[in-house]
Amino acid sequence: MTLQQLEKTISELPADEFSKFREWFLNFDAEKWDRQVEGDVAAGRLDRLADEALQQHQAGESSRL
């Protein structure tokens, strides 16, 4: 199925089916994002950013939320 066919199929869904699809897709997308972030953390790709944030906080360059 091409992206164009998928878009057409989704656009033709009845409201209740579209709502179910939207909920499924949001969960699917969130899980995929979580796996990507977990992989990045495990591989150390976020270490530099975490170190910079900690240094800025220790230097008093952060504020309470």
N, C-alpha and C. Protein backbone atom coordinates (compact mmCIF):
# COMPACT_ATOMS: atom_id res chain seq x y z
N MET A 1 0.85 -1.17 0.00
CA MET A 1 0.00 0.00 0.00
C MET A 1 0.90 1.24 0.00
N THR A 2 0.59 2.18 -0.84
CA THR A 2 1.36 3.42 -0.91
C THR A 2 0.84 4.40 0.13
N LEU A 3 1.63 5.42 0.39
CA LEU A 3 1.22 6.46 1.32
C LEU A 3 -0.06 7.13 0.84
N GLN A 4 -0.15 7.37 -0.43
CA GLN A 4 -1.35 8.00 -1.00
C GLN A 4 -2.58 7.12 -0.76
N GLN A 5 -2.45 5.81 -0.94
CA GLN A 5 -3.57 4.89 -0.69
C GLN A 5 -3.94 4.89 0.79
N LEU A 6 -2.93 4.91 1.63
CA LEU A 6 -3.17 4.92 3.07
C LEU A 6 -3.89 6.20 3.49
N GLU A 7 -3.44 7.33 2.97
CA GLU A 7 -4.10 8.61 3.28
C GLU A 7 -5.57 8.58 2.85
N LYS A 8 -5.83 8.03 1.66
CA LYS A 8 -7.19 7.96 1.16
C LYS A 8 -8.04 7.07 2.07
N THR A 9 -7.50 5.92 2.44
CA THR A 9 -8.23 4.99 3.30
C THR A 9 -8.55 5.64 4.65
N ILE A 10 -7.56 6.30 5.22
CA ILE A 10 -7.78 6.94 6.52
C ILE A 10 -8.81 8.06 6.41
N SER A 11 -8.72 8.84 5.36
CA SER A 11 -9.65 9.96 5.20
C SER A 11 -11.09 9.50 5.00
N GLU A 12 -11.27 8.26 4.60
CA GLU A 12 -12.62 7.74 4.36
C GLU A 12 -13.19 6.96 5.55
N LEU A 13 -12.43 6.86 6.64
CA LEU A 13 -12.91 6.14 7.80
C LEU A 13 -14.10 6.86 8.44
N PRO A 14 -15.08 6.10 8.93
CA PRO A 14 -16.16 6.72 9.70
C PRO A 14 -15.58 7.31 10.99
N ALA A 15 -16.26 8.26 11.56
CA ALA A 15 -15.75 8.99 12.72
C ALA A 15 -15.33 8.06 13.86
N ASP A 16 -16.12 7.04 14.17
CA ASP A 16 -15.77 6.16 15.28
C ASP A 16 -14.51 5.34 14.96
N GLU A 17 -14.36 4.90 13.73
CA GLU A 17 -13.17 4.15 13.34
C GLU A 17 -11.95 5.06 13.29
N PHE A 18 -12.15 6.30 12.85
CA PHE A 18 -11.04 7.25 12.82
C PHE A 18 -10.56 7.54 14.23
N SER A 19 -11.48 7.66 15.17
CA SER A 19 -11.12 7.89 16.56
C SER A 19 -10.28 6.73 17.11
N LYS A 20 -10.69 5.50 16.80
CA LYS A 20 -9.93 4.32 17.22
C LYS A 20 -8.55 4.31 16.56
N PHE A 21 -8.50 4.65 15.28
CA PHE A 21 -7.21 4.70 14.57
C PHE A 21 -6.30 5.75 15.19
N ARG A 22 -6.85 6.93 15.46
CA ARG A 22 -6.04 8.01 16.04
C ARG A 22 -5.46 7.59 17.38
N GLU A 23 -6.27 6.96 18.23
CA GLU A 23 -5.78 6.49 19.52
C GLU A 23 -4.68 5.44 19.34
N TRP A 24 -4.92 4.49 18.42
CA TRP A 24 -3.90 3.47 18.15
C TRP A 24 -2.60 4.12 17.66
N PHE A 25 -2.73 5.06 16.71
CA PHE A 25 -1.53 5.65 16.13
C PHE A 25 -0.76 6.48 17.15
N LEU A 26 -1.45 7.22 17.99
CA LEU A 26 -0.76 8.01 19.02
C LEU A 26 0.02 7.10 19.96
N ASN A 27 -0.57 5.98 20.36
CA ASN A 27 0.13 5.01 21.21
C ASN A 27 1.31 4.39 20.47
N PHE A 28 1.11 4.01 19.23
CA PHE A 28 2.16 3.44 18.40
C PHE A 28 3.33 4.41 18.27
N ASP A 29 3.02 5.66 17.97
CA ASP A 29 4.04 6.67 17.78
C ASP A 29 4.80 6.93 19.09
N ALA A 30 4.09 7.00 20.20
CA ALA A 30 4.73 7.24 21.50
C ALA A 30 5.65 6.08 21.87
N GLU A 31 5.21 4.86 21.64
CA GLU A 31 6.04 3.70 21.95
C GLU A 31 7.30 3.68 21.07
N LYS A 32 7.14 4.03 19.81
CA LYS A 32 8.29 4.06 18.90
C LYS A 32 9.28 5.13 19.36
N TRP A 33 8.79 6.30 19.75
CA TRP A 33 9.63 7.38 20.24
C TRP A 33 10.37 6.94 21.51
N ASP A 34 9.62 6.30 22.42
CA ASP A 34 10.24 5.81 23.67
C ASP A 34 11.38 4.85 23.37
N ARG A 35 11.18 3.93 22.44
CA ARG A 35 12.23 2.97 22.08
C ARG A 35 13.45 3.69 21.50
N GLN A 36 13.20 4.73 20.70
CA GLN A 36 14.30 5.48 20.11
C GLN A 36 15.09 6.20 21.19
N VAL A 37 14.40 6.84 22.12
CA VAL A 37 15.09 7.56 23.20
C VAL A 37 15.85 6.57 24.08
N GLU A 38 15.24 5.44 24.41
CA GLU A 38 15.92 4.43 25.21
C GLU A 38 17.20 3.95 24.52
N GLY A 39 17.13 3.76 23.21
CA GLY A 39 18.31 3.36 22.45
C GLY A 39 19.38 4.43 22.47
N ASP A 40 18.96 5.69 22.33
CA ASP A 40 19.91 6.79 22.37
C ASP A 40 20.58 6.89 23.74
N VAL A 41 19.80 6.71 24.80
CA VAL A 41 20.36 6.75 26.16
C VAL A 41 21.36 5.61 26.34
N ALA A 42 20.96 4.41 25.95
CA ALA A 42 21.83 3.24 26.12
C ALA A 42 23.14 3.39 25.34
N ALA A 43 23.06 4.05 24.19
CA ALA A 43 24.24 4.23 23.35
C ALA A 43 25.08 5.44 23.78
N GLY A 44 24.58 6.18 24.77
CA GLY A 44 25.33 7.34 25.26
C GLY A 44 25.20 8.58 24.41
N ARG A 45 24.26 8.58 23.47
CA ARG A 45 24.12 9.73 22.58
C ARG A 45 23.56 10.98 23.28
N LEU A 46 23.00 10.82 24.48
CA LEU A 46 22.46 11.98 25.19
C LEU A 46 23.35 12.40 26.35
N ASP A 47 24.46 11.72 26.55
CA ASP A 47 25.34 12.02 27.68
C ASP A 47 25.85 13.46 27.64
N ARG A 48 26.26 13.92 26.48
CA ARG A 48 26.80 15.28 26.36
C ARG A 48 25.75 16.31 26.76
N LEU A 49 24.52 16.12 26.31
CA LEU A 49 23.46 17.05 26.66
C LEU A 49 23.16 17.04 28.16
N ALA A 50 23.15 15.85 28.74
CA ALA A 50 22.91 15.74 30.18
C ALA A 50 24.03 16.40 30.96
N ASP A 51 25.27 16.19 30.54
CA ASP A 51 26.41 16.82 31.21
C ASP A 51 26.32 18.34 31.13
N GLU A 52 25.98 18.86 29.96
CA GLU A 52 25.85 20.31 29.80
C GLU A 52 24.76 20.86 30.71
N ALA A 53 23.63 20.18 30.78
CA ALA A 53 22.53 20.63 31.63
C ALA A 53 22.94 20.63 33.09
N LEU A 54 23.63 19.59 33.52
CA LEU A 54 24.09 19.53 34.91
C LEU A 54 25.09 20.64 35.21
N GLN A 55 25.99 20.91 34.29
CA GLN A 55 26.97 21.98 34.49
C GLN A 55 26.27 23.34 34.58
N GLN A 56 25.30 23.57 33.73
CA GLN A 56 24.56 24.83 33.77
C GLN A 56 23.81 24.97 35.09
N HIS A 57 23.22 23.88 35.55
CA HIS A 57 22.49 23.92 36.82
C HIS A 57 23.45 24.21 37.97
N GLN A 58 24.59 23.53 37.99
CA GLN A 58 25.57 23.74 39.06
C GLN A 58 26.14 25.15 39.04
N ALA A 59 26.15 25.77 37.87
CA ALA A 59 26.67 27.14 37.74
C ALA A 59 25.57 28.17 38.06
N GLY A 60 24.40 27.69 38.47
CA GLY A 60 23.31 28.60 38.81
C GLY A 60 22.57 29.15 37.61
N GLU A 61 22.70 28.50 36.47
CA GLU A 61 22.07 28.99 35.24
C GLU A 61 20.74 28.31 34.96
N SER A 62 20.12 27.79 36.01
CA SER A 62 18.80 27.17 35.83
C SER A 62 17.83 27.83 36.81
N SER A 63 16.56 27.59 36.56
CA SER A 63 15.55 28.16 37.46
C SER A 63 14.51 27.10 37.78
N ARG A 64 13.84 27.30 38.89
CA ARG A 64 12.78 26.37 39.30
C ARG A 64 11.59 26.52 38.36
N LEU A 65 10.97 25.40 38.10
CA LEU A 65 9.77 25.42 37.26
C LEU A 65 8.55 25.72 38.09
